[in-house]
Amino acid sequence: MAPNPLPLLQGTLDLLVLRCLSGGARHGYAIASIVREQTGGDLSVEDAALYQSLHRLHRQHLVDAEWGPSENNRRARFYTLTPAGRARLREETANWRRYSRAVDAVLQGA
């Protein structure tokens, strides 16, 4: 695990949340865990920022939300991607990869 998580770049949290939800319904804690685990601790999502993102995505009709029992039988809100959310994920993923290639080109001195 990384000693100190990197700060999230502005605008990346929604993309990460959409990607985590592409595998199926998840609650907030599961989303934060996926981000932390898949980045080896390099990225960590704070609760407040995560729930702001989920509420924003819900208002934009990119995710649906439904209450249900969690793994430990507690009441949790589960989020799923809508068709519009899947389309946004594809679009934002392509944009991120393009952006990443452009930054890498400058760093490589191309």
N, C-alpha and C. Protein backbone atom coordinates (compact mmCIF):
# COMPACT_ATOMS: atom_id res chain seq x y z
N MET A 1 0.84 -1.18 0.00
CA MET A 1 0.00 0.00 0.00
C MET A 1 0.88 1.24 0.00
N ALA A 2 0.47 2.23 -0.74
CA ALA A 2 1.23 3.47 -0.86
C ALA A 2 1.22 4.20 0.48
N PRO A 3 2.34 4.89 0.81
CA PRO A 3 2.41 5.59 2.09
C PRO A 3 1.38 6.72 2.19
N ASN A 4 1.23 7.50 1.16
CA ASN A 4 0.26 8.60 1.14
C ASN A 4 -0.49 8.55 -0.18
N PRO A 5 -1.82 8.45 -0.12
CA PRO A 5 -2.57 8.44 -1.39
C PRO A 5 -2.37 9.74 -2.16
N LEU A 6 -2.41 9.63 -3.45
CA LEU A 6 -2.31 10.80 -4.33
C LEU A 6 -3.63 11.56 -4.31
N PRO A 7 -3.58 12.87 -4.46
CA PRO A 7 -4.85 13.61 -4.55
C PRO A 7 -5.54 13.29 -5.88
N LEU A 8 -6.85 13.20 -5.84
CA LEU A 8 -7.60 12.96 -7.07
C LEU A 8 -7.59 14.23 -7.91
N LEU A 9 -7.34 14.09 -9.19
CA LEU A 9 -7.41 15.23 -10.09
C LEU A 9 -8.88 15.63 -10.25
N GLN A 10 -9.12 16.91 -10.34
CA GLN A 10 -10.49 17.39 -10.49
C GLN A 10 -11.12 16.76 -11.73
N GLY A 11 -12.33 16.26 -11.56
CA GLY A 11 -13.06 15.67 -12.67
C GLY A 11 -12.86 14.17 -12.84
N THR A 12 -11.98 13.56 -12.05
CA THR A 12 -11.74 12.12 -12.23
C THR A 12 -12.63 11.24 -11.37
N LEU A 13 -13.15 11.78 -10.27
CA LEU A 13 -13.92 10.94 -9.36
C LEU A 13 -15.17 10.38 -10.04
N ASP A 14 -15.90 11.19 -10.78
CA ASP A 14 -17.10 10.68 -11.44
C ASP A 14 -16.76 9.54 -12.40
N LEU A 15 -15.65 9.69 -13.12
CA LEU A 15 -15.22 8.63 -14.04
C LEU A 15 -14.91 7.35 -13.27
N LEU A 16 -14.21 7.47 -12.16
CA LEU A 16 -13.87 6.29 -11.36
C LEU A 16 -15.12 5.62 -10.81
N VAL A 17 -16.07 6.42 -10.35
CA VAL A 17 -17.33 5.87 -9.82
C VAL A 17 -18.09 5.14 -10.92
N LEU A 18 -18.22 5.77 -12.09
CA LEU A 18 -18.91 5.12 -13.20
C LEU A 18 -18.24 3.79 -13.55
N ARG A 19 -16.91 3.78 -13.57
CA ARG A 19 -16.18 2.55 -13.91
C ARG A 19 -16.44 1.46 -12.87
N CYS A 20 -16.42 1.83 -11.60
CA CYS A 20 -16.68 0.84 -10.54
C CYS A 20 -18.08 0.26 -10.65
N LEU A 21 -19.02 1.06 -11.09
CA LEU A 21 -20.41 0.59 -11.21
C LEU A 21 -20.64 -0.21 -12.48
N SER A 22 -19.69 -0.19 -13.41
CA SER A 22 -19.89 -0.94 -14.65
C SER A 22 -19.93 -2.44 -14.41
N GLY A 23 -19.42 -2.89 -13.26
CA GLY A 23 -19.44 -4.31 -12.93
C GLY A 23 -20.70 -4.76 -12.21
N GLY A 24 -21.61 -3.83 -11.95
CA GLY A 24 -22.85 -4.19 -11.27
C GLY A 24 -23.15 -3.26 -10.11
N ALA A 25 -24.24 -3.52 -9.43
CA ALA A 25 -24.69 -2.67 -8.33
C ALA A 25 -23.67 -2.69 -7.19
N ARG A 26 -23.40 -1.51 -6.65
CA ARG A 26 -22.46 -1.38 -5.54
C ARG A 26 -22.93 -0.27 -4.60
N HIS A 27 -22.57 -0.40 -3.34
CA HIS A 27 -22.82 0.68 -2.39
C HIS A 27 -21.53 1.50 -2.26
N GLY A 28 -21.63 2.63 -1.59
CA GLY A 28 -20.51 3.56 -1.51
C GLY A 28 -19.23 2.96 -0.96
N TYR A 29 -19.34 2.21 0.14
CA TYR A 29 -18.15 1.62 0.74
C TYR A 29 -17.45 0.68 -0.25
N ALA A 30 -18.23 -0.08 -1.00
CA ALA A 30 -17.64 -1.01 -1.98
C ALA A 30 -16.92 -0.24 -3.08
N ILE A 31 -17.48 0.89 -3.51
CA ILE A 31 -16.84 1.70 -4.55
C ILE A 31 -15.50 2.21 -4.04
N ALA A 32 -15.49 2.78 -2.83
CA ALA A 32 -14.24 3.29 -2.26
C ALA A 32 -13.21 2.18 -2.11
N SER A 33 -13.66 0.99 -1.71
CA SER A 33 -12.75 -0.15 -1.55
C SER A 33 -12.14 -0.57 -2.88
N ILE A 34 -12.95 -0.60 -3.93
CA ILE A 34 -12.45 -0.98 -5.26
C ILE A 34 -11.37 -0.01 -5.71
N VAL A 35 -11.63 1.28 -5.57
CA VAL A 35 -10.64 2.29 -5.99
C VAL A 35 -9.34 2.09 -5.21
N ARG A 36 -9.45 1.94 -3.91
CA ARG A 36 -8.25 1.78 -3.07
C ARG A 36 -7.49 0.50 -3.44
N GLU A 37 -8.22 -0.61 -3.59
CA GLU A 37 -7.57 -1.89 -3.89
C GLU A 37 -6.96 -1.92 -5.28
N GLN A 38 -7.69 -1.43 -6.29
CA GLN A 38 -7.19 -1.51 -7.66
C GLN A 38 -6.03 -0.56 -7.93
N THR A 39 -5.86 0.45 -7.07
CA THR A 39 -4.73 1.37 -7.25
C THR A 39 -3.62 1.09 -6.25
N GLY A 40 -3.73 0.00 -5.52
CA GLY A 40 -2.71 -0.32 -4.53
C GLY A 40 -2.58 0.75 -3.46
N GLY A 41 -3.67 1.47 -3.21
CA GLY A 41 -3.67 2.52 -2.21
C GLY A 41 -3.19 3.87 -2.71
N ASP A 42 -2.81 3.95 -3.99
CA ASP A 42 -2.37 5.24 -4.54
C ASP A 42 -3.50 6.25 -4.59
N LEU A 43 -4.73 5.77 -4.77
CA LEU A 43 -5.89 6.65 -4.75
C LEU A 43 -6.82 6.21 -3.63
N SER A 44 -7.33 7.20 -2.93
CA SER A 44 -8.28 6.94 -1.85
C SER A 44 -9.39 7.97 -1.97
N VAL A 45 -10.62 7.51 -1.85
CA VAL A 45 -11.78 8.39 -2.01
C VAL A 45 -12.36 8.72 -0.65
N GLU A 46 -12.46 9.99 -0.35
CA GLU A 46 -13.07 10.41 0.92
C GLU A 46 -14.58 10.25 0.82
N ASP A 47 -15.19 9.88 1.94
CA ASP A 47 -16.63 9.63 1.96
C ASP A 47 -17.45 10.79 1.43
N ALA A 48 -17.17 12.00 1.91
CA ALA A 48 -17.96 13.16 1.51
C ALA A 48 -17.90 13.37 0.00
N ALA A 49 -16.71 13.28 -0.56
CA ALA A 49 -16.55 13.48 -2.01
C ALA A 49 -17.25 12.37 -2.79
N LEU A 50 -17.16 11.14 -2.28
CA LEU A 50 -17.80 10.01 -2.96
C LEU A 50 -19.31 10.19 -3.01
N TYR A 51 -19.92 10.54 -1.89
CA TYR A 51 -21.37 10.67 -1.87
C TYR A 51 -21.84 11.90 -2.64
N GLN A 52 -21.03 12.94 -2.68
CA GLN A 52 -21.37 14.09 -3.54
C GLN A 52 -21.37 13.65 -5.00
N SER A 53 -20.38 12.85 -5.38
CA SER A 53 -20.30 12.35 -6.74
C SER A 53 -21.51 11.46 -7.07
N LEU A 54 -21.84 10.54 -6.17
CA LEU A 54 -22.98 9.65 -6.40
C LEU A 54 -24.28 10.43 -6.53
N HIS A 55 -24.47 11.42 -5.68
CA HIS A 55 -25.70 12.23 -5.76
C HIS A 55 -25.72 13.05 -7.06
N ARG A 56 -24.58 13.58 -7.45
CA ARG A 56 -24.50 14.34 -8.70
C ARG A 56 -24.83 13.43 -9.90
N LEU A 57 -24.25 12.24 -9.92
CA LEU A 57 -24.51 11.30 -11.02
C LEU A 57 -25.97 10.86 -11.03
N HIS A 58 -26.57 10.73 -9.85
CA HIS A 58 -27.98 10.37 -9.76
C HIS A 58 -28.85 11.49 -10.31
N ARG A 59 -28.54 12.74 -9.96
CA ARG A 59 -29.31 13.89 -10.47
C ARG A 59 -29.20 14.00 -12.00
N GLN A 60 -28.06 13.57 -12.53
CA GLN A 60 -27.85 13.61 -13.98
C GLN A 60 -28.42 12.38 -14.69
N HIS A 61 -29.06 11.50 -13.94
CA HIS A 61 -29.67 10.27 -14.47
C HIS A 61 -28.65 9.32 -15.08
N LEU A 62 -27.43 9.36 -14.53
CA LEU A 62 -26.38 8.46 -14.99
C LEU A 62 -26.31 7.20 -14.13
N VAL A 63 -26.86 7.29 -12.91
CA VAL A 63 -26.96 6.13 -12.03
C VAL A 63 -28.35 6.09 -11.41
N ASP A 64 -28.80 4.89 -11.10
CA ASP A 64 -30.02 4.68 -10.32
C ASP A 64 -29.59 4.26 -8.93
N ALA A 65 -30.47 4.45 -7.96
CA ALA A 65 -30.16 4.08 -6.58
C ALA A 65 -31.34 3.33 -5.97
N GLU A 66 -31.01 2.33 -5.18
CA GLU A 66 -32.04 1.52 -4.53
C GLU A 66 -31.51 1.02 -3.19
N TRP A 67 -32.36 1.04 -2.18
CA TRP A 67 -31.97 0.55 -0.87
C TRP A 67 -32.03 -0.97 -0.83
N GLY A 68 -31.06 -1.56 -0.11
CA GLY A 68 -31.03 -3.01 0.05
C GLY A 68 -30.07 -3.38 1.16
N PRO A 69 -30.01 -4.67 1.51
CA PRO A 69 -29.10 -5.11 2.57
C PRO A 69 -27.67 -5.27 2.04
N SER A 70 -26.70 -4.83 2.83
CA SER A 70 -25.30 -4.99 2.46
C SER A 70 -24.82 -6.39 2.83
N GLU A 71 -23.54 -6.65 2.62
CA GLU A 71 -22.97 -7.97 2.92
C GLU A 71 -23.12 -8.32 4.40
N ASN A 72 -23.07 -7.30 5.27
CA ASN A 72 -23.20 -7.56 6.72
C ASN A 72 -24.63 -7.29 7.20
N ASN A 73 -25.58 -7.34 6.27
CA ASN A 73 -27.01 -7.23 6.54
C ASN A 73 -27.43 -5.86 7.09
N ARG A 74 -26.67 -4.83 6.77
CA ARG A 74 -27.05 -3.47 7.11
C ARG A 74 -27.73 -2.85 5.90
N ARG A 75 -28.56 -1.87 6.16
CA ARG A 75 -29.26 -1.17 5.08
C ARG A 75 -28.27 -0.26 4.36
N ALA A 76 -28.19 -0.39 3.04
CA ALA A 76 -27.26 0.40 2.25
C ALA A 76 -27.93 0.80 0.94
N ARG A 77 -27.48 1.88 0.38
CA ARG A 77 -28.00 2.33 -0.91
C ARG A 77 -27.08 1.80 -2.00
N PHE A 78 -27.65 1.04 -2.92
CA PHE A 78 -26.89 0.45 -4.01
C PHE A 78 -27.12 1.26 -5.27
N TYR A 79 -26.05 1.50 -5.99
CA TYR A 79 -26.10 2.31 -7.20
C TYR A 79 -25.79 1.44 -8.41
N THR A 80 -26.50 1.69 -9.51
CA THR A 80 -26.28 0.98 -10.77
C THR A 80 -26.21 2.00 -11.90
N LEU A 81 -25.51 1.63 -12.96
CA LEU A 81 -25.43 2.50 -14.13
C LEU A 81 -26.73 2.44 -14.93
N THR A 82 -27.12 3.59 -15.45
CA THR A 82 -28.23 3.65 -16.40
C THR A 82 -27.62 3.53 -17.80
N PRO A 83 -28.43 3.36 -18.83
CA PRO A 83 -27.88 3.38 -20.19
C PRO A 83 -27.12 4.68 -20.48
N ALA A 84 -27.63 5.80 -19.99
CA ALA A 84 -26.93 7.08 -20.17
C ALA A 84 -25.59 7.07 -19.43
N GLY A 85 -25.55 6.41 -18.28
CA GLY A 85 -24.31 6.30 -17.52
C GLY A 85 -23.28 5.46 -18.25
N ARG A 86 -23.73 4.39 -18.90
CA ARG A 86 -22.79 3.56 -19.69
C ARG A 86 -22.23 4.35 -20.87
N ALA A 87 -23.09 5.14 -21.50
CA ALA A 87 -22.63 5.97 -22.62
C ALA A 87 -21.63 7.01 -22.14
N ARG A 88 -21.91 7.63 -20.99
CA ARG A 88 -20.99 8.63 -20.44
C ARG A 88 -19.67 7.99 -20.06
N LEU A 89 -19.71 6.78 -19.51
CA LEU A 89 -18.48 6.08 -19.16
C LEU A 89 -17.62 5.85 -20.40
N ARG A 90 -18.22 5.40 -21.48
CA ARG A 90 -17.47 5.19 -22.73
C ARG A 90 -16.84 6.49 -23.21
N GLU A 91 -17.63 7.56 -23.20
CA GLU A 91 -17.16 8.87 -23.67
C GLU A 91 -16.02 9.41 -22.79
N GLU A 92 -16.21 9.36 -21.49
CA GLU A 92 -15.20 9.89 -20.57
C GLU A 92 -13.94 9.04 -20.55
N THR A 93 -14.08 7.73 -20.74
CA THR A 93 -12.91 6.86 -20.81
C THR A 93 -12.08 7.21 -22.03
N ALA A 94 -12.73 7.41 -23.16
CA ALA A 94 -12.01 7.80 -24.38
C ALA A 94 -11.33 9.15 -24.19
N ASN A 95 -12.03 10.09 -23.58
CA ASN A 95 -11.44 11.41 -23.34
C ASN A 95 -10.23 11.30 -22.41
N TRP A 96 -10.34 10.50 -21.34
CA TRP A 96 -9.24 10.34 -20.40
C TRP A 96 -8.02 9.73 -21.08
N ARG A 97 -8.24 8.71 -21.90
CA ARG A 97 -7.12 8.06 -22.58
C ARG A 97 -6.44 9.03 -23.54
N ARG A 98 -7.23 9.83 -24.23
CA ARG A 98 -6.67 10.86 -25.14
C ARG A 98 -5.86 11.87 -24.34
N TYR A 99 -6.41 12.34 -23.22
CA TYR A 99 -5.72 13.30 -22.37
C TYR A 99 -4.41 12.72 -21.84
N SER A 100 -4.48 11.47 -21.38
CA SER A 100 -3.31 10.80 -20.83
C SER A 100 -2.21 10.66 -21.88
N ARG A 101 -2.59 10.30 -23.11
CA ARG A 101 -1.60 10.18 -24.20
C ARG A 101 -0.96 11.53 -24.49
N ALA A 102 -1.77 12.60 -24.46
CA ALA A 102 -1.25 13.93 -24.75
C ALA A 102 -0.25 14.37 -23.68
N VAL A 103 -0.60 14.16 -22.42
CA VAL A 103 0.32 14.53 -21.34
C VAL A 103 1.58 13.70 -21.42
N ASP A 104 1.43 12.41 -21.67
CA ASP A 104 2.60 11.53 -21.78
C ASP A 104 3.50 11.96 -22.93
N ALA A 105 2.92 12.40 -24.04
CA ALA A 105 3.72 12.87 -25.17
C ALA A 105 4.59 14.06 -24.77
N VAL A 106 4.05 14.96 -23.99
CA VAL A 106 4.83 16.12 -23.54
C VAL A 106 5.91 15.66 -22.56
N LEU A 107 5.56 14.77 -21.63
CA LEU A 107 6.54 14.29 -20.68
C LEU A 107 7.68 13.51 -21.33
N GLN A 108 7.36 12.83 -22.43
CA GLN A 108 8.36 12.06 -23.16
C GLN A 108 9.20 12.97 -24.07
N GLY A 109 8.75 14.20 -24.26
CA GLY A 109 9.47 15.14 -25.11
C GLY A 109 9.19 14.97 -26.59
N ALA A 110 8.00 14.41 -26.89
CA ALA A 110 7.65 14.18 -28.30
C ALA A 110 7.28 15.48 -28.98
